[in-house]
Amino acid sequence: MAVPPGYETSTRRRRALAAVAGRIALAVVLAGATAVAAGSAGAAASTRAAATGTLRWRQCGDADCATLTVPLDEVHPDTRTIDLALVRIPARDPSRRIGSLLLNPGGPGASGVSFARGIAGSLPSDIQDRFDIVGFDPRGVGKSSPVRCDDNLDSYYALDFAPETDAERTALIAGVQKLVDSCEARSGPLLPYLASEYTARDMDRIRAALGDAKLTYVGFSYGTYLGALYAHDFPDRVRALVLDGAVDPALSASDQQVQQAVGFEQSLDQFLRFCASDPSCAFHRDGRSADAYDALRARVESQPIAGRGRDRGRALGPTEFDIAVTQALYAGKPAWSTLAEALDGADRGDPTAMLDLSDAYTERRSDGTYDDIDSAFFAIGCPDGPPMGGLEGVRAIEERAQAVAPRLGRSIVNNSLACALWPVQPTAPAAPIHAPGAPPIVVIGTRHDPATPLRWAKGLARELGHGVLMTARGSRHTAFAAGNSCIDNRVVHYLVDLKPPKNDTAC
């Protein structure tokens, strides 16, 4: 998985719609085919994954919580184990309960426990009535033996992810290596066992422990990769899978990152054209919004803008500037006014709103500490692949991205630079994931999704063999349970009645 710029967490994704963005984090990690390469051992994997632990639910606020013990190492399942954190919001109508609906918000690195708690009440009514809503923290995430790296990432995000000089590039590589070294020092024994192939098998253990004969699942962004892996490894245990904001594991690291860079660049271009045409836009600048954007970005590159008030002692540098922009773009057109106001503030010398957007993406707390999502993002995503080709490979991808996405391309690519230095490297090339024998699987792509381009959903639906494509209108990242009734109604009908929509349904 060549890592793109963010992580999808639909919890943040919805926060982003409300205010615009709680790191709607992209979600995407570009998934490689490590697990597919291991598919020849599928029968053995199925046997191992069938072994289950015990769930003892306890009340935790307005939900139930439990842990499930699973083997850390598939080869030596009795030597080390890991406890996975789960949460359950019971079906509102027990008499009509179908079973459990397992969720994954994306990432990798996003907490499924927090996500399930946050989204359960926003799901369509029939879903809340008929299913127990279940979230889990994948291994290495949240409360499931989280990966630990540096606690303070201010120096990391102060690096220039779009270096223009040899000195900046040298500093970037050194700074990323420092972060990678901290991850290895604090979590080294855990790192070899965090690739998504392990989590897909954990999902089958969760399914069995929940008492479901087959899996019902909704995965967003990176979560679509987990769902595809599950369908590949356990096609006879699939009841219904919804893969929203799909990634295409058949793409090379270069194609993944360049196509994503183009997606964000096109979204930024659309925003700047809108701002230039609408005098009410806070960043209108007499119809020269694009020129004003480029001038502001150049100013930040030359001299970061000092923070004010609670941000005193901080400064908005080029990397946090780019992160703030992409963070807002995840939410699509509804976030344009927020982005315009943030850019206007920075242009006038107040970077508060831009820093807020960047902090939402990076999950920086007010005390300067960070959530562990960055650590898990690399620890899971880098081993997934596909291989990036070391530092030279990243440089080549960066140059290709810059040619087609001059404003954001380099920064997006270098967000995944850690994967070129990560101690656990992927070994398998990019390859499609097939799921012969699985029932129809619904794959959703949004027409102008900046993070997971529509072509990725088309590719995954085709590769799965029984994929059913739905296309959502709009420019935001992911579509289910986000206000598109056409999408929601068809997904509900599929999950409840096992009636998939027609292929190529447009909503």
Protein backbone atom coordinates (compact mmCIF):
# COMPACT_ATOMS: atom_id res chain seq x y z
CA MET A 1 0.00 0.00 0.00
CA ALA A 2 1.55 3.18 -1.04
CA VAL A 3 0.13 5.51 1.48
CA PRO A 4 -1.81 8.55 0.32
CA PRO A 5 -2.38 11.70 2.28
CA GLY A 6 -4.71 10.84 4.96
CA TYR A 7 -6.89 8.37 6.54
CA GLU A 8 -10.52 7.92 6.24
CA THR A 9 -12.44 7.88 9.37
CA SER A 10 -16.02 8.40 8.76
CA THR A 11 -16.39 9.68 12.27
CA ARG A 12 -14.12 12.50 11.29
CA ARG A 13 -15.71 12.48 7.88
CA ARG A 14 -19.05 13.43 9.41
CA ARG A 15 -17.46 15.90 11.76
CA ALA A 16 -16.01 17.41 8.65
CA LEU A 17 -19.41 17.82 7.11
CA ALA A 18 -20.63 19.57 10.17
CA ALA A 19 -17.73 21.93 10.60
CA VAL A 20 -15.72 20.61 7.89
CA ALA A 21 -13.65 18.00 8.71
CA GLY A 22 -12.38 16.14 11.49
CA ARG A 23 -9.63 14.79 9.42
CA ILE A 24 -11.94 13.18 7.08
CA ALA A 25 -9.04 11.69 6.71
CA LEU A 26 -8.56 10.09 3.59
CA ALA A 27 -8.84 7.56 3.91
CA VAL A 28 -7.25 5.66 1.83
CA VAL A 29 -4.61 3.48 2.06
CA LEU A 30 -3.64 2.10 -1.00
CA ALA A 31 -3.85 -1.43 -0.73
CA GLY A 32 -1.47 -3.86 -2.09
CA ALA A 33 -1.76 -7.50 -2.69
CA THR A 34 0.29 -9.03 0.04
CA ALA A 35 -2.67 -11.04 1.22
CA VAL A 36 -3.58 -12.10 -2.28
CA ALA A 37 -0.08 -13.39 -2.76
CA ALA A 38 -0.62 -15.48 0.33
CA GLY A 39 -3.92 -16.72 -1.03
CA SER A 40 -2.52 -20.09 -2.02
CA ALA A 41 -2.62 -20.85 1.70
CA GLY A 42 -6.28 -19.87 1.81
CA ALA A 43 -7.62 -23.18 3.06
CA ALA A 44 -5.16 -23.25 5.92
CA ALA A 45 -5.94 -19.65 6.71
CA SER A 46 -9.64 -20.44 6.84
CA THR A 47 -9.02 -23.26 9.28
CA ARG A 48 -6.88 -21.11 11.53
CA ALA A 49 -9.26 -18.17 11.43
CA ALA A 50 -12.19 -20.36 12.38
CA ALA A 51 -10.79 -20.75 15.89
CA THR A 52 -12.61 -18.26 18.12
CA GLY A 53 -12.18 -16.62 21.45
CA THR A 54 -14.99 -15.74 23.82
CA LEU A 55 -16.87 -12.45 24.02
CA ARG A 56 -18.02 -11.32 27.44
CA TRP A 57 -19.99 -8.14 26.92
CA ARG A 58 -20.10 -5.46 29.59
CA GLN A 59 -22.00 -2.20 29.56
CA CYS A 60 -19.90 0.83 28.63
CA GLY A 61 -22.05 3.93 28.53
CA ASP A 62 -24.85 3.48 26.01
CA ALA A 63 -23.20 0.46 24.37
CA ASP A 64 -21.65 -2.91 25.17
CA CYS A 65 -17.90 -3.54 25.12
CA ALA A 66 -15.78 -6.68 24.96
CA THR A 67 -12.36 -7.93 23.96
CA LEU A 68 -11.51 -10.89 21.75
CA THR A 69 -8.21 -12.70 22.11
CA VAL A 70 -6.64 -13.72 18.80
CA PRO A 71 -3.22 -15.10 17.81
CA LEU A 72 -0.61 -12.46 17.02
CA ASP A 73 1.35 -14.84 14.79
CA GLU A 74 -0.57 -17.16 12.46
CA VAL A 75 2.41 -19.51 12.15
CA HIS A 76 2.76 -19.91 15.92
CA PRO A 77 -0.79 -19.24 17.16
CA ASP A 78 -0.13 -20.52 20.70
CA THR A 79 2.92 -18.40 21.49
CA ARG A 80 1.56 -14.85 21.55
CA THR A 81 -1.90 -13.36 21.48
CA ILE A 82 -3.42 -9.92 21.14
CA ASP A 83 -6.70 -8.58 22.51
CA LEU A 84 -9.01 -6.77 20.09
CA ALA A 85 -11.36 -4.13 21.47
CA LEU A 86 -15.00 -4.33 20.31
CA VAL A 87 -18.14 -2.30 20.86
CA ARG A 88 -21.76 -3.27 20.15
CA ILE A 89 -24.87 -1.13 19.87
CA PRO A 90 -27.71 -3.69 20.05
CA ALA A 91 -30.49 -3.80 17.45
CA ARG A 92 -33.42 -1.60 18.46
CA ASP A 93 -35.99 -4.26 17.46
CA PRO A 94 -34.69 -7.59 18.82
CA SER A 95 -37.72 -9.47 17.48
CA ARG A 96 -36.66 -8.61 13.91
CA ARG A 97 -32.92 -8.78 14.43
CA ILE A 98 -30.98 -10.24 11.49
CA GLY A 99 -27.53 -10.37 13.04
CA SER A 100 -24.45 -8.18 13.41
CA LEU A 101 -23.24 -5.45 11.06
CA LEU A 102 -19.47 -5.07 11.33
CA LEU A 103 -18.04 -1.65 10.41
CA ASN A 104 -14.62 -0.32 9.51
CA PRO A 105 -14.10 3.45 9.09
CA GLY A 106 -10.93 3.28 7.02
CA GLY A 107 -7.45 4.50 7.66
CA PRO A 108 -5.65 2.37 8.27
CA GLY A 109 -5.36 3.42 11.86
CA ALA A 110 -8.85 4.75 12.61
CA SER A 111 -10.64 3.38 15.65
CA GLY A 112 -13.62 1.26 14.71
CA VAL A 113 -14.85 1.41 18.31
CA SER A 114 -15.07 5.19 18.27
CA PHE A 115 -16.51 5.13 14.77
CA ALA A 116 -19.32 2.70 15.59
CA ARG A 117 -20.29 4.75 18.62
CA GLY A 118 -20.32 7.93 16.56
CA ILE A 119 -22.15 6.71 13.48
CA ALA A 120 -24.68 4.21 14.86
CA GLY A 121 -27.37 6.84 15.43
CA SER A 122 -26.89 8.26 11.93
CA LEU A 123 -27.39 4.99 10.08
CA PRO A 124 -30.71 4.40 8.29
CA SER A 125 -33.50 3.42 10.65
CA ASP A 126 -33.90 -0.11 9.26
CA ILE A 127 -30.22 -0.80 9.87
CA GLN A 128 -30.45 0.35 13.49
CA ASP A 129 -33.59 -1.75 14.01
CA ARG A 130 -32.39 -4.99 12.41
CA PHE A 131 -28.67 -5.22 13.20
CA ASP A 132 -26.36 -5.04 16.16
CA ILE A 133 -23.89 -2.35 15.08
CA VAL A 134 -20.39 -3.63 15.86
CA GLY A 135 -17.08 -1.79 15.63
CA PHE A 136 -13.59 -3.03 16.43
CA ASP A 137 -10.13 -1.58 16.74
CA PRO A 138 -7.91 -3.55 14.36
CA ARG A 139 -4.65 -4.89 15.76
CA GLY A 140 -2.22 -2.03 16.34
CA VAL A 141 -5.02 0.54 16.59
CA GLY A 142 -6.78 2.34 19.44
CA LYS A 143 -7.28 -0.08 22.32
CA SER A 144 -5.99 -3.14 20.44
CA SER A 145 -2.28 -2.99 21.37
CA PRO A 146 -1.70 0.33 19.62
CA VAL A 147 1.54 1.04 17.80
CA ARG A 148 3.63 3.67 19.56
CA CYS A 149 6.00 6.13 17.90
CA ASP A 150 6.92 9.71 18.82
CA ASP A 151 4.28 11.28 21.04
CA ASN A 152 4.90 14.76 19.62
CA LEU A 153 4.90 15.05 15.84
CA ASP A 154 5.29 18.82 15.57
CA SER A 155 8.82 18.44 14.23
CA TYR A 156 7.63 15.84 11.72
CA TYR A 157 4.90 18.06 10.29
CA ALA A 158 7.29 21.01 10.31
CA LEU A 159 9.24 19.17 7.59
CA ASP A 160 8.63 20.29 4.02
CA PHE A 161 6.81 17.47 2.21
CA ALA A 162 7.25 19.37 -1.07
CA PRO A 163 11.01 20.03 -0.94
CA GLU A 164 12.43 22.50 -3.45
CA THR A 165 16.12 22.25 -2.52
CA ASP A 166 18.57 19.45 -1.79
CA ALA A 167 18.84 20.69 1.78
CA GLU A 168 15.06 20.47 2.28
CA ARG A 169 15.01 16.97 0.79
CA THR A 170 17.85 15.82 3.02
CA ALA A 171 16.08 17.24 6.05
CA LEU A 172 12.82 15.55 5.03
CA ILE A 173 14.44 12.12 4.68
CA ALA A 174 16.26 12.51 8.00
CA GLY A 175 13.09 13.61 9.78
CA VAL A 176 11.05 10.74 8.39
CA GLN A 177 13.79 8.27 9.31
CA LYS A 178 13.70 9.62 12.86
CA LEU A 179 9.97 8.93 13.05
CA VAL A 180 10.41 5.42 11.64
CA ASP A 181 13.19 4.70 14.13
CA SER A 182 10.95 5.74 17.01
CA CYS A 183 8.24 3.34 15.83
CA GLU A 184 10.71 0.48 15.62
CA ALA A 185 12.21 1.30 19.03
CA ARG A 186 8.84 1.43 20.81
CA SER A 187 6.82 -1.16 18.87
CA GLY A 188 9.34 -3.28 16.97
CA PRO A 189 8.10 -6.76 18.05
CA LEU A 190 4.54 -5.86 17.00
CA LEU A 191 5.31 -4.46 13.54
CA PRO A 192 5.67 -7.74 11.56
CA TYR A 193 2.09 -8.77 12.43
CA LEU A 194 -0.02 -5.77 11.47
CA ALA A 195 -0.58 -6.10 7.72
CA SER A 196 -4.20 -6.17 6.61
CA GLU A 197 -4.11 -9.87 5.82
CA TYR A 198 -3.97 -10.49 9.58
CA THR A 199 -6.92 -8.17 10.21
CA ALA A 200 -9.02 -9.90 7.55
CA ARG A 201 -8.56 -13.15 9.46
CA ASP A 202 -9.34 -11.38 12.72
CA MET A 203 -12.60 -10.26 11.14
CA ASP A 204 -13.57 -13.88 10.62
CA ARG A 205 -12.82 -14.65 14.25
CA ILE A 206 -15.00 -11.70 15.23
CA ARG A 207 -17.80 -12.98 12.99
CA ALA A 208 -17.67 -16.41 14.61
CA ALA A 209 -17.47 -15.02 18.14
CA LEU A 210 -20.54 -12.88 17.43
CA GLY A 211 -22.43 -16.03 16.50
CA ASP A 212 -23.03 -15.07 12.85
CA ALA A 213 -22.82 -17.82 10.28
CA LYS A 214 -21.80 -15.27 7.63
CA LEU A 215 -20.39 -11.75 7.68
CA THR A 216 -22.40 -8.60 7.06
CA TYR A 217 -20.00 -5.68 6.70
CA VAL A 218 -19.69 -2.05 5.63
CA GLY A 219 -16.19 -0.71 5.01
CA PHE A 220 -15.26 2.84 4.04
CA SER A 221 -12.15 3.78 2.02
CA TYR A 222 -9.29 1.59 3.31
CA GLY A 223 -12.03 -0.53 4.86
CA THR A 224 -12.99 -1.56 1.33
CA TYR A 225 -9.61 -3.26 1.05
CA LEU A 226 -10.27 -5.22 4.23
CA GLY A 227 -13.66 -6.25 2.87
CA ALA A 228 -12.16 -7.38 -0.42
CA LEU A 229 -9.49 -9.40 1.40
CA TYR A 230 -12.17 -11.05 3.51
CA ALA A 231 -14.18 -11.99 0.43
CA HIS A 232 -11.04 -13.44 -1.16
CA ASP A 233 -10.09 -15.51 1.91
CA PHE A 234 -13.59 -16.52 3.06
CA PRO A 235 -15.99 -16.29 0.09
CA ASP A 236 -18.34 -18.89 1.59
CA ARG A 237 -18.68 -16.83 4.76
CA VAL A 238 -19.88 -13.63 3.09
CA ARG A 239 -23.51 -12.62 3.64
CA ALA A 240 -23.35 -9.03 2.36
CA LEU A 241 -20.46 -6.59 1.93
CA VAL A 242 -20.70 -2.86 1.14
CA LEU A 243 -17.41 -1.30 0.04
CA ASP A 244 -17.74 2.51 -0.08
CA GLY A 245 -14.99 4.77 -1.41
CA ALA A 246 -13.23 1.81 -2.92
CA VAL A 247 -9.53 1.42 -3.47
CA ASP A 248 -8.16 -0.64 -6.35
CA PRO A 249 -5.40 -3.03 -5.20
CA ALA A 250 -4.48 -3.83 -8.81
CA LEU A 251 -2.79 -0.43 -9.21
CA SER A 252 0.92 0.13 -8.71
CA ALA A 253 2.12 2.49 -5.99
CA SER A 254 2.90 5.07 -8.66
CA ASP A 255 -0.53 4.88 -10.31
CA GLN A 256 -2.33 4.94 -6.96
CA GLN A 257 -0.61 8.04 -5.69
CA VAL A 258 -0.58 9.93 -8.97
CA GLN A 259 -4.27 9.28 -9.56
CA GLN A 260 -5.08 10.39 -6.04
CA ALA A 261 -2.96 13.51 -6.46
CA VAL A 262 -4.92 14.32 -9.61
CA GLY A 263 -8.18 13.82 -7.71
CA PHE A 264 -7.26 16.33 -5.04
CA GLU A 265 -5.79 18.74 -7.57
CA GLN A 266 -8.97 18.69 -9.62
CA SER A 267 -11.04 19.31 -6.49
CA LEU A 268 -8.82 22.25 -5.58
CA ASP A 269 -9.13 23.64 -9.11
CA GLN A 270 -12.92 23.40 -8.87
CA PHE A 271 -12.87 25.27 -5.56
CA LEU A 272 -10.63 28.03 -6.93
CA ARG A 273 -12.82 28.46 -10.02
CA PHE A 274 -15.89 28.70 -7.82
CA CYS A 275 -14.23 31.27 -5.57
CA ALA A 276 -13.11 33.34 -8.55
CA SER A 277 -16.65 33.38 -9.98
CA ASP A 278 -18.49 34.20 -6.75
CA PRO A 279 -17.84 37.60 -5.14
CA SER A 280 -19.28 36.31 -1.88
CA CYS A 281 -16.46 33.78 -1.55
CA ALA A 282 -14.10 34.88 1.25
CA PHE A 283 -11.10 34.15 -0.99
CA HIS A 284 -12.56 35.79 -4.12
CA ARG A 285 -9.66 38.21 -4.52
CA ASP A 286 -11.24 40.16 -7.40
CA GLY A 287 -11.68 36.98 -9.41
CA ARG A 288 -8.02 35.97 -9.11
CA SER A 289 -8.39 33.24 -6.50
CA ALA A 290 -5.91 30.88 -8.14
CA ASP A 291 -3.20 33.53 -8.33
CA ALA A 292 -3.87 34.51 -4.73
CA TYR A 293 -3.64 30.88 -3.63
CA ASP A 294 -0.30 30.39 -5.35
CA ALA A 295 1.05 33.62 -3.87
CA LEU A 296 -0.08 32.64 -0.36
CA ARG A 297 1.43 29.15 -0.67
CA ALA A 298 4.72 30.71 -1.84
CA ARG A 299 4.68 33.08 1.16
CA VAL A 300 4.19 30.18 3.54
CA GLU A 301 7.02 28.30 1.85
CA SER A 302 9.31 31.29 2.28
CA GLN A 303 8.23 32.28 5.81
CA PRO A 304 5.73 30.27 7.88
CA ILE A 305 2.93 32.38 9.36
CA ALA A 306 3.18 32.76 13.14
CA GLY A 307 0.23 31.50 15.16
CA ARG A 308 -1.90 33.68 17.39
CA GLY A 309 -3.61 33.24 20.73
CA ARG A 310 -3.70 29.57 21.68
CA ASP A 311 -1.45 28.82 18.69
CA ARG A 312 1.24 31.23 19.86
CA GLY A 313 4.62 29.55 19.47
CA ARG A 314 3.43 27.60 16.44
CA ALA A 315 3.60 28.55 12.79
CA LEU A 316 1.72 27.49 9.67
CA GLY A 317 4.36 25.94 7.39
CA PRO A 318 4.03 24.48 3.90
CA THR A 319 3.18 20.92 4.93
CA GLU A 320 0.44 21.92 7.37
CA PHE A 321 -0.86 24.34 4.73
CA ASP A 322 -1.20 21.50 2.19
CA ILE A 323 -2.70 19.19 4.80
CA ALA A 324 -5.30 21.80 5.75
CA VAL A 325 -6.33 22.18 2.11
CA THR A 326 -6.70 18.45 1.47
CA GLN A 327 -8.52 18.02 4.76
CA ALA A 328 -11.22 20.45 3.66
CA LEU A 329 -11.42 18.93 0.18
CA TYR A 330 -12.45 15.55 1.61
CA ALA A 331 -15.85 17.01 2.42
CA GLY A 332 -16.41 18.30 -1.10
CA LYS A 333 -18.43 21.40 -1.99
CA PRO A 334 -20.06 21.78 1.46
CA ALA A 335 -16.59 22.59 2.83
CA TRP A 336 -15.65 25.23 0.27
CA SER A 337 -16.78 28.16 2.40
CA THR A 338 -14.75 26.84 5.32
CA LEU A 339 -11.66 26.49 3.15
CA ALA A 340 -12.15 29.97 1.67
CA GLU A 341 -12.41 31.53 5.12
CA ALA A 342 -9.34 29.66 6.35
CA LEU A 343 -7.28 30.78 3.35
CA ASP A 344 -8.52 34.34 3.76
CA GLY A 345 -7.49 34.33 7.41
CA ALA A 346 -4.01 33.04 6.62
CA ASP A 347 -3.66 35.60 3.83
CA ARG A 348 -4.42 38.31 6.40
CA GLY A 349 -1.84 36.94 8.82
CA ASP A 350 -4.05 34.74 11.03
CA PRO A 351 -3.42 31.01 10.42
CA THR A 352 -5.78 29.80 13.17
CA ALA A 353 -8.39 28.20 10.90
CA MET A 354 -5.77 26.57 8.68
CA LEU A 355 -4.03 25.12 11.72
CA ASP A 356 -7.38 23.84 12.98
CA LEU A 357 -7.94 22.00 9.70
CA SER A 358 -4.43 20.57 9.77
CA ASP A 359 -4.82 19.51 13.40
CA ALA A 360 -8.09 17.77 12.59
CA TYR A 361 -6.29 15.75 9.95
CA THR A 362 -3.24 14.91 12.05
CA GLU A 363 -5.29 14.51 15.25
CA ARG A 364 -3.07 16.94 17.11
CA ARG A 365 -4.45 17.73 20.54
CA SER A 366 -4.45 21.18 22.11
CA ASP A 367 -1.60 20.16 24.43
CA GLY A 368 0.62 19.34 21.45
CA THR A 369 0.34 15.56 21.69
CA TYR A 370 -1.08 13.41 18.90
CA ASP A 371 -3.40 10.47 18.57
CA ASP A 372 -1.74 7.19 17.62
CA ILE A 373 -3.46 7.10 14.23
CA ASP A 374 -0.32 8.21 12.37
CA SER A 375 1.69 5.40 13.93
CA ALA A 376 -0.90 2.79 12.98
CA PHE A 377 -1.30 4.31 9.53
CA PHE A 378 2.26 3.49 8.59
CA ALA A 379 2.53 0.26 10.60
CA ILE A 380 -0.43 -1.26 8.77
CA GLY A 381 -0.28 0.47 5.42
CA CYS A 382 3.41 0.16 4.60
CA PRO A 383 3.53 -3.66 4.81
CA ASP A 384 0.36 -3.88 2.72
CA GLY A 385 2.20 -2.54 -0.31
CA PRO A 386 2.54 -2.33 -3.21
CA PRO A 387 6.30 -1.69 -2.99
CA MET A 388 7.38 1.90 -3.63
CA GLY A 389 10.91 1.15 -4.81
CA GLY A 390 12.80 2.81 -1.98
CA LEU A 391 13.78 6.46 -1.91
CA GLU A 392 14.49 6.49 -5.64
CA GLY A 393 11.07 5.06 -6.34
CA VAL A 394 9.36 7.69 -4.20
CA ARG A 395 11.31 10.43 -5.98
CA ALA A 396 10.15 9.12 -9.36
CA ILE A 397 6.52 9.00 -8.18
CA GLU A 398 6.87 12.51 -6.79
CA GLU A 399 8.12 13.87 -10.11
CA ARG A 400 5.30 12.17 -11.98
CA ALA A 401 2.71 13.55 -9.54
CA GLN A 402 4.12 17.07 -9.72
CA ALA A 403 3.75 17.07 -13.49
CA VAL A 404 -0.01 16.45 -13.30
CA ALA A 405 -0.81 17.96 -9.88
CA PRO A 406 1.61 20.87 -9.45
CA ARG A 407 -0.06 22.34 -6.36
CA LEU A 408 -0.52 19.21 -4.23
CA GLY A 409 1.22 16.30 -5.92
CA ARG A 410 4.59 16.34 -4.19
CA SER A 411 3.15 16.79 -0.72
CA ILE A 412 0.68 13.95 -1.22
CA VAL A 413 3.36 11.54 -2.40
CA ASN A 414 5.83 12.38 0.36
CA ASN A 415 3.19 11.77 2.99
CA SER A 416 4.02 8.11 2.28
CA LEU A 417 7.80 8.52 2.35
CA ALA A 418 7.96 6.53 5.58
CA CYS A 419 7.00 3.41 3.63
CA ALA A 420 10.28 3.61 1.70
CA LEU A 421 12.13 3.44 5.04
CA TRP A 422 9.81 1.16 6.98
CA PRO A 423 11.46 -1.91 8.59
CA VAL A 424 8.69 -4.25 7.38
CA GLN A 425 8.61 -3.99 3.62
CA PRO A 426 5.97 -5.46 1.28
CA THR A 427 7.16 -8.20 -1.01
CA ALA A 428 4.23 -8.71 -3.38
CA PRO A 429 3.49 -6.55 -6.41
CA ALA A 430 0.14 -4.91 -7.00
CA ALA A 431 -2.49 -7.44 -8.06
CA PRO A 432 -6.27 -7.60 -8.32
CA ILE A 433 -8.30 -9.26 -5.57
CA HIS A 434 -10.71 -11.91 -6.78
CA ALA A 435 -13.49 -13.48 -4.74
CA PRO A 436 -14.77 -16.50 -6.68
CA GLY A 437 -17.71 -18.11 -4.97
CA ALA A 438 -18.73 -15.00 -3.04
CA PRO A 439 -22.27 -13.58 -3.43
CA PRO A 440 -22.80 -10.12 -4.98
CA ILE A 441 -20.72 -7.43 -3.27
CA VAL A 442 -21.81 -3.78 -3.50
CA VAL A 443 -19.02 -1.36 -4.42
CA ILE A 444 -19.67 2.39 -4.19
CA GLY A 445 -17.71 5.17 -5.88
CA THR A 446 -18.45 8.90 -5.82
CA ARG A 447 -18.17 10.70 -9.14
CA HIS A 448 -15.74 13.42 -8.01
CA ASP A 449 -14.28 11.81 -4.89
CA PRO A 450 -10.84 13.43 -4.46
CA ALA A 451 -9.35 10.66 -2.32
CA THR A 452 -10.57 7.47 -4.00
CA PRO A 453 -11.30 8.24 -7.65
CA LEU A 454 -14.36 6.66 -9.23
CA ARG A 455 -12.16 4.59 -11.52
CA TRP A 456 -10.93 2.70 -8.46
CA ALA A 457 -14.44 1.58 -7.57
CA LYS A 458 -14.99 0.48 -11.15
CA GLY A 459 -11.76 -1.48 -11.06
CA LEU A 460 -12.51 -3.23 -7.77
CA ALA A 461 -16.08 -4.11 -8.78
CA ARG A 462 -14.77 -5.68 -11.98
CA GLU A 463 -11.92 -7.56 -10.28
CA LEU A 464 -14.01 -9.09 -7.51
CA GLY A 465 -16.01 -11.02 -10.10
CA HIS A 466 -19.36 -10.46 -8.39
CA GLY A 467 -19.02 -6.78 -7.70
CA VAL A 468 -22.06 -4.55 -8.18
CA LEU A 469 -21.13 -0.93 -8.85
CA MET A 470 -23.10 2.05 -7.60
CA THR A 471 -22.03 5.60 -8.50
CA ALA A 472 -22.93 8.51 -6.21
CA ARG A 473 -23.14 12.11 -7.33
CA GLY A 474 -21.03 14.68 -5.56
CA SER A 475 -17.47 15.64 -4.71
CA ARG A 476 -17.02 14.30 -1.20
CA HIS A 477 -15.28 11.18 0.03
CA THR A 478 -17.69 8.22 0.43
CA ALA A 479 -21.46 8.27 0.16
CA PHE A 480 -23.37 5.86 2.42
CA ALA A 481 -25.20 7.33 5.43
CA ALA A 482 -24.20 10.83 4.37
CA GLY A 483 -27.42 12.27 2.99
CA ASN A 484 -27.78 10.48 -0.36
CA SER A 485 -31.16 8.74 -0.01
CA CYS A 486 -30.75 6.93 -3.33
CA ILE A 487 -27.57 5.27 -2.09
CA ASP A 488 -28.94 4.64 1.39
CA ASN A 489 -32.18 3.02 0.23
CA ARG A 490 -30.41 0.60 -2.06
CA VAL A 491 -27.78 -0.29 0.52
CA VAL A 492 -30.48 -0.94 3.12
CA HIS A 493 -32.41 -3.17 0.71
CA TYR A 494 -29.22 -5.11 0.02
CA LEU A 495 -28.16 -5.48 3.66
CA VAL A 496 -31.63 -6.35 4.95
CA ASP A 497 -33.14 -8.35 2.09
CA LEU A 498 -29.97 -9.46 0.25
CA LYS A 499 -31.25 -7.81 -2.91
CA PRO A 500 -28.35 -6.00 -4.59
CA PRO A 501 -29.02 -2.99 -6.83
CA LYS A 502 -28.59 -3.23 -10.55
CA ASN A 503 -25.01 -2.96 -11.67
CA ASP A 504 -23.98 0.57 -12.68
CA THR A 505 -26.78 2.16 -10.67
CA ALA A 506 -26.29 5.95 -10.62
CA CYS A 507 -27.42 7.97 -7.60
